[in-house]
């Protein structure tokens, strides 16, 4: 599983809608589908505003910090 930041709204397989800018935990297959659909950016940069996302290793990250599954 991997946390990704959504670039646009997305409804998961359970019917839960997630808003753009929200971080979600997805598996590799879902990540690939989201990247193909442009729902998440590929790599660290590529956000709609051209800025890098400060994820779990950045200094502004306030989300989960555990690295254990």
N, C-alpha and C. Protein backbone atom coordinates (compact mmCIF):
# COMPACT_ATOMS: atom_id res chain seq x y z
N UNK A 1 0.85 -1.18 0.00
CA UNK A 1 0.00 0.00 0.00
C UNK A 1 0.89 1.24 0.00
N UNK A 2 0.37 2.29 -0.59
CA UNK A 2 1.12 3.54 -0.68
C UNK A 2 0.15 4.71 -0.54
N UNK A 3 0.60 5.76 0.15
CA UNK A 3 -0.21 6.97 0.27
C UNK A 3 0.06 7.85 -0.94
N UNK A 4 -1.02 8.33 -1.55
CA UNK A 4 -0.91 9.24 -2.69
C UNK A 4 -1.80 10.45 -2.46
N UNK A 5 -1.42 11.56 -3.05
CA UNK A 5 -2.23 12.77 -2.98
C UNK A 5 -3.04 12.87 -4.27
N UNK A 6 -4.34 13.01 -4.13
CA UNK A 6 -5.22 13.08 -5.29
C UNK A 6 -5.16 14.45 -5.95
N UNK A 7 -5.07 14.46 -7.26
CA UNK A 7 -5.07 15.70 -8.04
C UNK A 7 -6.49 16.11 -8.42
N UNK A 8 -7.41 15.16 -8.37
CA UNK A 8 -8.82 15.44 -8.66
C UNK A 8 -9.68 14.50 -7.82
N UNK A 9 -10.97 14.79 -7.75
CA UNK A 9 -11.89 13.95 -6.98
C UNK A 9 -11.87 12.52 -7.51
N UNK A 10 -12.08 11.56 -6.60
CA UNK A 10 -12.06 10.15 -6.99
C UNK A 10 -12.99 9.38 -6.07
N UNK A 11 -13.73 8.44 -6.64
CA UNK A 11 -14.60 7.56 -5.87
C UNK A 11 -13.99 6.17 -5.89
N UNK A 12 -13.72 5.63 -4.69
CA UNK A 12 -13.06 4.32 -4.61
C UNK A 12 -14.05 3.19 -4.87
N UNK A 13 -13.54 1.97 -4.85
CA UNK A 13 -14.36 0.78 -5.15
C UNK A 13 -15.48 0.56 -4.15
N UNK A 14 -15.37 1.13 -2.95
CA UNK A 14 -16.42 1.01 -1.95
C UNK A 14 -17.47 2.09 -2.07
N UNK A 15 -17.31 2.99 -3.05
CA UNK A 15 -18.27 4.07 -3.26
C UNK A 15 -18.00 5.31 -2.42
N UNK A 16 -16.85 5.36 -1.77
CA UNK A 16 -16.47 6.51 -0.95
C UNK A 16 -15.81 7.56 -1.84
N UNK A 17 -16.32 8.79 -1.81
CA UNK A 17 -15.75 9.86 -2.61
C UNK A 17 -14.66 10.57 -1.84
N UNK A 18 -13.52 10.77 -2.50
CA UNK A 18 -12.37 11.45 -1.92
C UNK A 18 -12.13 12.72 -2.73
N UNK A 19 -11.84 13.82 -2.06
CA UNK A 19 -11.67 15.11 -2.71
C UNK A 19 -10.24 15.31 -3.19
N UNK A 20 -10.10 16.15 -4.22
CA UNK A 20 -8.77 16.54 -4.69
C UNK A 20 -8.00 17.14 -3.52
N UNK A 21 -6.73 16.79 -3.43
CA UNK A 21 -5.89 17.28 -2.34
C UNK A 21 -5.82 16.32 -1.17
N UNK A 22 -6.76 15.39 -1.11
CA UNK A 22 -6.78 14.40 -0.03
C UNK A 22 -5.73 13.33 -0.29
N UNK A 23 -5.16 12.78 0.77
CA UNK A 23 -4.22 11.67 0.65
C UNK A 23 -4.95 10.38 0.98
N UNK A 24 -4.73 9.37 0.15
CA UNK A 24 -5.39 8.08 0.35
C UNK A 24 -4.36 6.97 0.25
N UNK A 25 -4.66 5.85 0.87
CA UNK A 25 -3.81 4.66 0.86
C UNK A 25 -4.36 3.71 -0.19
N UNK A 26 -3.57 3.40 -1.21
CA UNK A 26 -4.04 2.52 -2.29
C UNK A 26 -3.02 1.43 -2.56
N UNK A 27 -3.47 0.36 -3.20
CA UNK A 27 -2.56 -0.71 -3.60
C UNK A 27 -1.94 -0.37 -4.96
N UNK A 28 -1.00 -1.18 -5.39
CA UNK A 28 -0.26 -0.90 -6.62
C UNK A 28 -1.16 -0.87 -7.86
N UNK A 29 -2.11 -1.78 -7.95
CA UNK A 29 -3.00 -1.81 -9.11
C UNK A 29 -3.88 -0.56 -9.17
N UNK A 30 -4.40 -0.16 -8.01
CA UNK A 30 -5.22 1.05 -7.97
C UNK A 30 -4.38 2.28 -8.29
N UNK A 31 -3.16 2.32 -7.78
CA UNK A 31 -2.26 3.43 -8.08
C UNK A 31 -2.03 3.54 -9.59
N UNK A 32 -1.78 2.43 -10.24
CA UNK A 32 -1.54 2.44 -11.69
C UNK A 32 -2.76 2.98 -12.43
N UNK A 33 -3.95 2.56 -12.01
CA UNK A 33 -5.18 3.04 -12.65
C UNK A 33 -5.37 4.53 -12.41
N UNK A 34 -5.10 4.99 -11.20
CA UNK A 34 -5.24 6.41 -10.89
C UNK A 34 -4.25 7.25 -11.69
N UNK A 35 -3.02 6.75 -11.84
CA UNK A 35 -2.03 7.47 -12.65
C UNK A 35 -2.46 7.52 -14.10
N UNK A 36 -2.96 6.42 -14.63
CA UNK A 36 -3.40 6.37 -16.03
C UNK A 36 -4.55 7.34 -16.29
N UNK A 37 -5.41 7.52 -15.28
CA UNK A 37 -6.56 8.42 -15.41
C UNK A 37 -6.22 9.86 -15.05
N UNK A 38 -4.99 10.11 -14.60
CA UNK A 38 -4.58 11.46 -14.25
C UNK A 38 -5.11 11.94 -12.90
N UNK A 39 -5.58 11.00 -12.07
CA UNK A 39 -6.12 11.35 -10.76
C UNK A 39 -5.00 11.64 -9.77
N UNK A 40 -3.84 11.00 -9.95
CA UNK A 40 -2.65 11.29 -9.16
C UNK A 40 -1.52 11.59 -10.14
N UNK A 41 -0.57 12.40 -9.71
CA UNK A 41 0.56 12.72 -10.58
C UNK A 41 1.60 11.62 -10.49
N UNK A 42 2.38 11.49 -11.52
CA UNK A 42 3.46 10.51 -11.53
C UNK A 42 4.72 11.19 -11.05
N UNK A 43 5.36 10.65 -10.04
CA UNK A 43 6.56 11.24 -9.50
C UNK A 43 6.22 12.31 -8.48
N UNK A 44 7.26 12.98 -7.96
CA UNK A 44 7.06 13.99 -6.92
C UNK A 44 6.49 15.28 -7.48
N UNK A 45 6.91 15.70 -8.67
CA UNK A 45 6.36 16.92 -9.21
C UNK A 45 5.32 16.55 -10.25
N UNK A 46 4.64 17.52 -10.75
CA UNK A 46 3.62 17.24 -11.75
C UNK A 46 2.24 17.58 -11.25
N UNK A 47 2.14 18.19 -10.09
CA UNK A 47 0.85 18.64 -9.62
C UNK A 47 0.31 19.70 -10.56
N UNK A 48 -0.97 19.94 -10.53
CA UNK A 48 -1.58 20.89 -11.45
C UNK A 48 -0.95 22.28 -11.36
N UNK A 49 -0.47 22.67 -10.18
CA UNK A 49 0.14 23.99 -10.04
C UNK A 49 1.65 23.95 -10.26
N UNK A 50 2.21 22.78 -10.61
CA UNK A 50 3.62 22.65 -10.90
C UNK A 50 4.52 22.55 -9.68
N UNK A 51 3.93 22.44 -8.50
CA UNK A 51 4.74 22.35 -7.29
C UNK A 51 4.91 20.90 -6.87
N UNK A 52 5.92 20.65 -6.07
CA UNK A 52 6.15 19.32 -5.53
C UNK A 52 5.25 19.08 -4.34
N UNK A 53 4.80 17.86 -4.18
CA UNK A 53 4.02 17.46 -3.02
C UNK A 53 4.97 17.10 -1.90
N UNK A 54 4.76 17.67 -0.75
CA UNK A 54 5.58 17.35 0.41
C UNK A 54 4.94 16.17 1.11
N UNK A 55 5.43 14.99 0.81
CA UNK A 55 4.85 13.76 1.35
C UNK A 55 5.49 13.35 2.66
N UNK A 56 5.46 12.07 2.98
CA UNK A 56 5.91 11.59 4.28
C UNK A 56 7.34 11.95 4.65
N UNK A 57 8.20 12.23 3.68
CA UNK A 57 9.58 12.56 4.02
C UNK A 57 9.81 14.06 4.09
N UNK A 58 8.82 14.87 3.74
CA UNK A 58 8.97 16.32 3.78
C UNK A 58 8.76 16.87 5.18
N UNK A 59 9.12 18.11 5.35
CA UNK A 59 9.04 18.72 6.68
C UNK A 59 7.64 19.18 7.04
N UNK A 60 6.77 19.36 6.06
CA UNK A 60 5.43 19.84 6.33
C UNK A 60 4.38 18.72 6.41
N UNK A 61 4.81 17.49 6.32
CA UNK A 61 3.89 16.35 6.32
C UNK A 61 3.26 16.18 7.69
N UNK A 62 1.93 16.10 7.73
CA UNK A 62 1.23 15.92 9.00
C UNK A 62 0.46 14.61 9.04
N UNK A 63 0.68 13.77 8.04
CA UNK A 63 -0.06 12.51 7.96
C UNK A 63 0.65 11.38 8.70
N UNK A 64 0.28 10.14 8.39
CA UNK A 64 0.86 8.97 9.06
C UNK A 64 2.38 8.93 8.91
N UNK A 65 3.06 8.49 9.93
CA UNK A 65 4.51 8.44 9.88
C UNK A 65 5.08 7.03 9.95
N UNK A 66 4.24 6.04 10.18
CA UNK A 66 4.72 4.68 10.32
C UNK A 66 5.18 4.13 8.98
N UNK A 67 6.26 3.40 8.97
CA UNK A 67 6.75 2.76 7.76
C UNK A 67 6.49 1.27 7.79
N UNK A 68 5.87 0.77 8.84
CA UNK A 68 5.58 -0.66 8.92
C UNK A 68 4.20 -0.92 8.37
N UNK A 69 4.02 -2.01 7.67
CA UNK A 69 2.71 -2.32 7.08
C UNK A 69 1.67 -2.68 8.11
